[in-house]
Amino acid sequence: DSGNAPQAISMIPSFEKQDDVFNLQIFAKAYRMAGKIDDALNCINQAITLYKDDKKFYLAAFMHDKALILYDAHINGYVETLEKAISLQTNLKTIEDWKMELEQMIWQNNLASRI
């Protein structure tokens, strides 16, 4: 719900750990909901760069969020980014969901390009 985005964004300065990867992911989602694409990409790219753990499913989630931001903003690269997220994901249900989501994105993009 984008109605909560301004409130979420206003709370960002109060977060104690501004460079925590999970906080950065939250910030990216709030910025995406508010349509602040540059800020959303900046936050999710920082989360991806700073993430050092070997738990690939978290990195997969960050890549998924990045793909959604790119798609929403009509920026090329969302397909490759979501494919990377799928390749990193370990949960079979999530993999299937993301594959369906990717197919829908491609279909909608192809449809929009014909109009």
N, C-alpha and C. Protein backbone atom coordinates (compact mmCIF):
# COMPACT_ATOMS: atom_id res chain seq x y z
N ASP A 1 0.84 -1.18 0.00
CA ASP A 1 0.00 0.00 0.00
C ASP A 1 0.89 1.24 0.00
N SER A 2 0.84 2.01 -1.08
CA SER A 2 1.70 3.19 -1.19
C SER A 2 1.27 4.31 -0.26
N GLY A 3 0.10 4.20 0.36
CA GLY A 3 -0.34 5.21 1.31
C GLY A 3 0.52 5.27 2.56
N ASN A 4 1.18 4.17 2.87
CA ASN A 4 2.06 4.11 4.04
C ASN A 4 3.49 4.53 3.72
N ALA A 5 3.81 4.70 2.44
CA ALA A 5 5.18 5.01 2.04
C ALA A 5 5.72 6.28 2.67
N PRO A 6 4.99 7.41 2.65
CA PRO A 6 5.55 8.62 3.26
C PRO A 6 5.86 8.45 4.74
N GLN A 7 5.00 7.74 5.46
CA GLN A 7 5.23 7.50 6.88
C GLN A 7 6.47 6.63 7.07
N ALA A 8 6.61 5.60 6.24
CA ALA A 8 7.77 4.72 6.33
C ALA A 8 9.06 5.49 6.04
N ILE A 9 9.03 6.32 5.02
CA ILE A 9 10.21 7.11 4.65
C ILE A 9 10.57 8.09 5.76
N SER A 10 9.58 8.68 6.37
CA SER A 10 9.86 9.65 7.44
C SER A 10 10.53 9.00 8.64
N MET A 11 10.38 7.68 8.78
CA MET A 11 10.98 6.97 9.90
C MET A 11 12.43 6.54 9.63
N ILE A 12 12.87 6.59 8.39
CA ILE A 12 14.21 6.10 8.04
C ILE A 12 15.32 6.74 8.89
N PRO A 13 15.32 8.05 9.08
CA PRO A 13 16.41 8.64 9.89
C PRO A 13 16.48 8.12 11.33
N SER A 14 15.39 7.57 11.83
CA SER A 14 15.38 7.08 13.22
C SER A 14 15.99 5.68 13.37
N PHE A 15 16.25 5.01 12.25
CA PHE A 15 16.86 3.68 12.33
C PHE A 15 18.29 3.83 12.82
N GLU A 16 18.65 3.04 13.82
CA GLU A 16 19.98 3.15 14.43
C GLU A 16 21.08 2.73 13.45
N LYS A 17 20.87 1.64 12.74
CA LYS A 17 21.90 1.12 11.83
C LYS A 17 21.48 1.40 10.40
N GLN A 18 21.90 2.53 9.89
CA GLN A 18 21.52 2.94 8.53
C GLN A 18 22.12 2.03 7.47
N ASP A 19 23.26 1.39 7.76
CA ASP A 19 23.93 0.57 6.76
C ASP A 19 23.70 -0.93 6.96
N ASP A 20 22.77 -1.29 7.83
CA ASP A 20 22.40 -2.70 8.00
C ASP A 20 21.67 -3.15 6.73
N VAL A 21 22.07 -4.27 6.17
CA VAL A 21 21.51 -4.70 4.88
C VAL A 21 19.99 -4.91 4.94
N PHE A 22 19.49 -5.37 6.07
CA PHE A 22 18.06 -5.59 6.17
C PHE A 22 17.29 -4.28 6.32
N ASN A 23 17.89 -3.31 7.00
CA ASN A 23 17.29 -1.97 7.04
C ASN A 23 17.31 -1.35 5.65
N LEU A 24 18.41 -1.52 4.94
CA LEU A 24 18.49 -0.99 3.57
C LEU A 24 17.41 -1.60 2.68
N GLN A 25 17.13 -2.87 2.88
CA GLN A 25 16.06 -3.51 2.11
C GLN A 25 14.70 -2.88 2.45
N ILE A 26 14.47 -2.63 3.73
CA ILE A 26 13.22 -1.97 4.14
C ILE A 26 13.13 -0.58 3.53
N PHE A 27 14.25 0.16 3.57
CA PHE A 27 14.26 1.50 2.99
C PHE A 27 13.95 1.43 1.49
N ALA A 28 14.55 0.47 0.80
CA ALA A 28 14.33 0.32 -0.64
C ALA A 28 12.86 0.07 -0.94
N LYS A 29 12.23 -0.77 -0.14
CA LYS A 29 10.81 -1.07 -0.34
C LYS A 29 9.96 0.18 -0.11
N ALA A 30 10.28 0.95 0.93
CA ALA A 30 9.53 2.18 1.21
C ALA A 30 9.70 3.18 0.07
N TYR A 31 10.92 3.36 -0.38
CA TYR A 31 11.16 4.28 -1.50
C TYR A 31 10.46 3.81 -2.76
N ARG A 32 10.48 2.50 -3.02
CA ARG A 32 9.79 1.97 -4.21
C ARG A 32 8.30 2.28 -4.14
N MET A 33 7.69 2.05 -2.97
CA MET A 33 6.26 2.32 -2.81
C MET A 33 5.95 3.79 -3.05
N ALA A 34 6.90 4.66 -2.69
CA ALA A 34 6.69 6.10 -2.85
C ALA A 34 7.07 6.58 -4.25
N GLY A 35 7.56 5.68 -5.10
CA GLY A 35 7.95 6.07 -6.44
C GLY A 35 9.30 6.76 -6.52
N LYS A 36 10.08 6.66 -5.44
CA LYS A 36 11.42 7.27 -5.42
C LYS A 36 12.43 6.22 -5.87
N ILE A 37 12.47 6.03 -7.18
CA ILE A 37 13.21 4.92 -7.78
C ILE A 37 14.71 5.04 -7.54
N ASP A 38 15.28 6.23 -7.72
CA ASP A 38 16.72 6.40 -7.52
C ASP A 38 17.12 6.03 -6.09
N ASP A 39 16.33 6.49 -5.12
CA ASP A 39 16.61 6.17 -3.72
C ASP A 39 16.44 4.67 -3.45
N ALA A 40 15.40 4.09 -4.05
CA ALA A 40 15.16 2.66 -3.87
C ALA A 40 16.32 1.84 -4.43
N LEU A 41 16.76 2.19 -5.64
CA LEU A 41 17.88 1.47 -6.24
C LEU A 41 19.16 1.66 -5.45
N ASN A 42 19.39 2.86 -4.98
CA ASN A 42 20.58 3.13 -4.18
C ASN A 42 20.60 2.23 -2.93
N CYS A 43 19.48 2.15 -2.23
CA CYS A 43 19.42 1.34 -1.01
C CYS A 43 19.58 -0.15 -1.30
N ILE A 44 18.87 -0.65 -2.31
CA ILE A 44 18.96 -2.10 -2.56
C ILE A 44 20.33 -2.46 -3.12
N ASN A 45 20.93 -1.58 -3.92
CA ASN A 45 22.29 -1.85 -4.41
C ASN A 45 23.30 -1.87 -3.26
N GLN A 46 23.11 -0.98 -2.28
CA GLN A 46 23.98 -1.01 -1.09
C GLN A 46 23.81 -2.31 -0.33
N ALA A 47 22.56 -2.75 -0.17
CA ALA A 47 22.30 -4.00 0.54
C ALA A 47 22.99 -5.17 -0.17
N ILE A 48 22.89 -5.21 -1.49
CA ILE A 48 23.52 -6.28 -2.27
C ILE A 48 25.04 -6.23 -2.12
N THR A 49 25.60 -5.04 -2.19
CA THR A 49 27.05 -4.87 -2.09
C THR A 49 27.57 -5.22 -0.70
N LEU A 50 26.85 -4.82 0.33
CA LEU A 50 27.30 -5.01 1.71
C LEU A 50 27.04 -6.42 2.25
N TYR A 51 26.14 -7.16 1.63
CA TYR A 51 25.77 -8.48 2.15
C TYR A 51 26.94 -9.44 2.00
N LYS A 52 27.39 -9.99 3.10
CA LYS A 52 28.58 -10.87 3.11
C LYS A 52 28.30 -12.27 3.63
N ASP A 53 27.10 -12.55 4.04
CA ASP A 53 26.76 -13.85 4.61
C ASP A 53 26.69 -14.91 3.50
N ASP A 54 26.78 -16.17 3.88
CA ASP A 54 26.69 -17.24 2.88
C ASP A 54 25.26 -17.74 2.68
N LYS A 55 24.30 -17.13 3.34
CA LYS A 55 22.90 -17.51 3.17
C LYS A 55 22.38 -16.85 1.89
N LYS A 56 22.41 -17.61 0.82
CA LYS A 56 22.08 -17.07 -0.51
C LYS A 56 20.62 -16.61 -0.63
N PHE A 57 19.73 -17.17 0.19
CA PHE A 57 18.32 -16.80 0.04
C PHE A 57 18.07 -15.34 0.42
N TYR A 58 18.90 -14.77 1.31
CA TYR A 58 18.76 -13.34 1.60
C TYR A 58 19.21 -12.51 0.40
N LEU A 59 20.33 -12.89 -0.19
CA LEU A 59 20.80 -12.20 -1.38
C LEU A 59 19.77 -12.34 -2.50
N ALA A 60 19.16 -13.50 -2.59
CA ALA A 60 18.10 -13.72 -3.58
C ALA A 60 16.95 -12.75 -3.35
N ALA A 61 16.58 -12.54 -2.09
CA ALA A 61 15.49 -11.61 -1.78
C ALA A 61 15.86 -10.18 -2.17
N PHE A 62 17.11 -9.79 -1.93
CA PHE A 62 17.55 -8.45 -2.32
C PHE A 62 17.50 -8.30 -3.84
N MET A 63 17.96 -9.34 -4.56
CA MET A 63 17.93 -9.30 -6.03
C MET A 63 16.49 -9.24 -6.54
N HIS A 64 15.60 -9.96 -5.88
CA HIS A 64 14.18 -9.93 -6.25
C HIS A 64 13.63 -8.52 -6.09
N ASP A 65 13.94 -7.90 -4.96
CA ASP A 65 13.47 -6.53 -4.74
C ASP A 65 14.03 -5.58 -5.80
N LYS A 66 15.29 -5.76 -6.16
CA LYS A 66 15.89 -4.92 -7.20
C LYS A 66 15.17 -5.12 -8.53
N ALA A 67 14.85 -6.37 -8.87
CA ALA A 67 14.13 -6.64 -10.12
C ALA A 67 12.78 -5.94 -10.13
N LEU A 68 12.08 -5.94 -9.01
CA LEU A 68 10.78 -5.26 -8.94
C LEU A 68 10.92 -3.76 -9.12
N ILE A 69 11.96 -3.19 -8.53
CA ILE A 69 12.21 -1.75 -8.69
C ILE A 69 12.49 -1.43 -10.15
N LEU A 70 13.36 -2.21 -10.77
CA LEU A 70 13.70 -1.99 -12.18
C LEU A 70 12.46 -2.13 -13.06
N TYR A 71 11.66 -3.14 -12.80
CA TYR A 71 10.45 -3.37 -13.59
C TYR A 71 9.47 -2.21 -13.44
N ASP A 72 9.22 -1.81 -12.20
CA ASP A 72 8.29 -0.70 -11.95
C ASP A 72 8.72 0.58 -12.66
N ALA A 73 10.04 0.78 -12.75
CA ALA A 73 10.58 2.00 -13.35
C ALA A 73 10.82 1.86 -14.85
N HIS A 74 10.46 0.71 -15.42
CA HIS A 74 10.68 0.46 -16.85
C HIS A 74 12.15 0.59 -17.21
N ILE A 75 13.01 0.04 -16.36
CA ILE A 75 14.45 0.06 -16.58
C ILE A 75 14.89 -1.34 -17.00
N ASN A 76 15.63 -1.43 -18.09
CA ASN A 76 16.13 -2.73 -18.55
C ASN A 76 16.98 -3.38 -17.47
N GLY A 77 17.00 -4.69 -17.49
CA GLY A 77 17.80 -5.45 -16.55
C GLY A 77 16.98 -6.22 -15.54
N TYR A 78 15.67 -5.98 -15.52
CA TYR A 78 14.85 -6.66 -14.51
C TYR A 78 14.79 -8.17 -14.77
N VAL A 79 14.81 -8.57 -16.06
CA VAL A 79 14.74 -10.00 -16.36
C VAL A 79 15.99 -10.71 -15.83
N GLU A 80 17.16 -10.19 -16.18
CA GLU A 80 18.41 -10.80 -15.73
C GLU A 80 18.53 -10.78 -14.21
N THR A 81 18.08 -9.70 -13.60
CA THR A 81 18.15 -9.58 -12.14
C THR A 81 17.25 -10.60 -11.47
N LEU A 82 16.04 -10.76 -11.99
CA LEU A 82 15.12 -11.74 -11.39
C LEU A 82 15.60 -13.17 -11.67
N GLU A 83 16.19 -13.40 -12.85
CA GLU A 83 16.75 -14.73 -13.12
C GLU A 83 17.88 -15.05 -12.13
N LYS A 84 18.69 -14.05 -11.81
CA LYS A 84 19.77 -14.24 -10.83
C LYS A 84 19.17 -14.55 -9.45
N ALA A 85 18.12 -13.82 -9.08
CA ALA A 85 17.44 -14.06 -7.80
C ALA A 85 16.92 -15.49 -7.74
N ILE A 86 16.32 -15.94 -8.83
CA ILE A 86 15.79 -17.31 -8.88
C ILE A 86 16.91 -18.32 -8.73
N SER A 87 18.05 -18.06 -9.36
CA SER A 87 19.17 -19.00 -9.28
C SER A 87 19.78 -19.08 -7.87
N LEU A 88 19.63 -18.02 -7.09
CA LEU A 88 20.16 -17.99 -5.73
C LEU A 88 19.17 -18.53 -4.69
N GLN A 89 17.90 -18.54 -5.04
CA GLN A 89 16.85 -18.92 -4.10
C GLN A 89 16.92 -20.42 -3.81
N THR A 90 16.66 -20.79 -2.56
CA THR A 90 16.71 -22.20 -2.16
C THR A 90 15.33 -22.78 -1.88
N ASN A 91 14.33 -21.94 -1.70
CA ASN A 91 12.98 -22.40 -1.39
C ASN A 91 12.24 -22.69 -2.70
N LEU A 92 11.84 -23.95 -2.88
CA LEU A 92 11.22 -24.37 -4.14
C LEU A 92 9.92 -23.63 -4.44
N LYS A 93 9.11 -23.38 -3.43
CA LYS A 93 7.85 -22.65 -3.61
C LYS A 93 8.15 -21.23 -4.08
N THR A 94 9.13 -20.59 -3.47
CA THR A 94 9.50 -19.23 -3.86
C THR A 94 10.05 -19.21 -5.28
N ILE A 95 10.85 -20.21 -5.63
CA ILE A 95 11.38 -20.30 -6.99
C ILE A 95 10.23 -20.35 -7.99
N GLU A 96 9.25 -21.21 -7.73
CA GLU A 96 8.11 -21.32 -8.64
C GLU A 96 7.32 -20.01 -8.71
N ASP A 97 7.11 -19.38 -7.57
CA ASP A 97 6.39 -18.09 -7.54
C ASP A 97 7.13 -17.04 -8.36
N TRP A 98 8.45 -16.97 -8.19
CA TRP A 98 9.24 -15.96 -8.90
C TRP A 98 9.31 -16.25 -10.39
N LYS A 99 9.33 -17.53 -10.76
CA LYS A 99 9.30 -17.87 -12.19
C LYS A 99 7.99 -17.42 -12.82
N MET A 100 6.90 -17.64 -12.12
CA MET A 100 5.59 -17.18 -12.62
C MET A 100 5.56 -15.66 -12.69
N GLU A 101 6.11 -15.01 -11.69
CA GLU A 101 6.17 -13.55 -11.67
C GLU A 101 6.98 -13.04 -12.86
N LEU A 102 8.10 -13.67 -13.15
CA LEU A 102 8.94 -13.28 -14.27
C LEU A 102 8.19 -13.45 -15.59
N GLU A 103 7.52 -14.57 -15.76
CA GLU A 103 6.73 -14.79 -16.97
C GLU A 103 5.67 -13.71 -17.14
N GLN A 104 5.01 -13.34 -16.04
CA GLN A 104 3.98 -12.31 -16.09
C GLN A 104 4.59 -10.95 -16.45
N MET A 105 5.75 -10.64 -15.89
CA MET A 105 6.42 -9.37 -16.20
C MET A 105 6.76 -9.30 -17.69
N ILE A 106 7.32 -10.38 -18.21
CA ILE A 106 7.70 -10.41 -19.62
C ILE A 106 6.46 -10.28 -20.49
N TRP A 107 5.40 -11.00 -20.14
CA TRP A 107 4.16 -10.93 -20.90
C TRP A 107 3.58 -9.52 -20.89
N GLN A 108 3.53 -8.91 -19.71
CA GLN A 108 2.98 -7.55 -19.60
C GLN A 108 3.84 -6.55 -20.36
N ASN A 109 5.16 -6.73 -20.30
CA ASN A 109 6.06 -5.83 -21.02
C ASN A 109 5.87 -5.97 -22.53
N ASN A 110 5.72 -7.20 -23.01
CA ASN A 110 5.50 -7.44 -24.43
C ASN A 110 4.16 -6.85 -24.88
N LEU A 111 3.15 -7.02 -24.04
CA LEU A 111 1.84 -6.47 -24.35
C LEU A 111 1.89 -4.95 -24.42
N ALA A 112 2.55 -4.34 -23.44
CA ALA A 112 2.66 -2.87 -23.39
C ALA A 112 3.43 -2.32 -24.59
N SER A 113 4.40 -3.08 -25.07
CA SER A 113 5.21 -2.59 -26.21
C SER A 113 4.41 -2.64 -27.52
N ARG A 114 3.33 -3.40 -27.56
CA ARG A 114 2.50 -3.49 -28.76
C ARG A 114 1.45 -2.39 -28.82
N ILE A 115 1.19 -1.77 -27.69
CA ILE A 115 0.14 -0.75 -27.63
C ILE A 115 0.66 0.59 -28.09
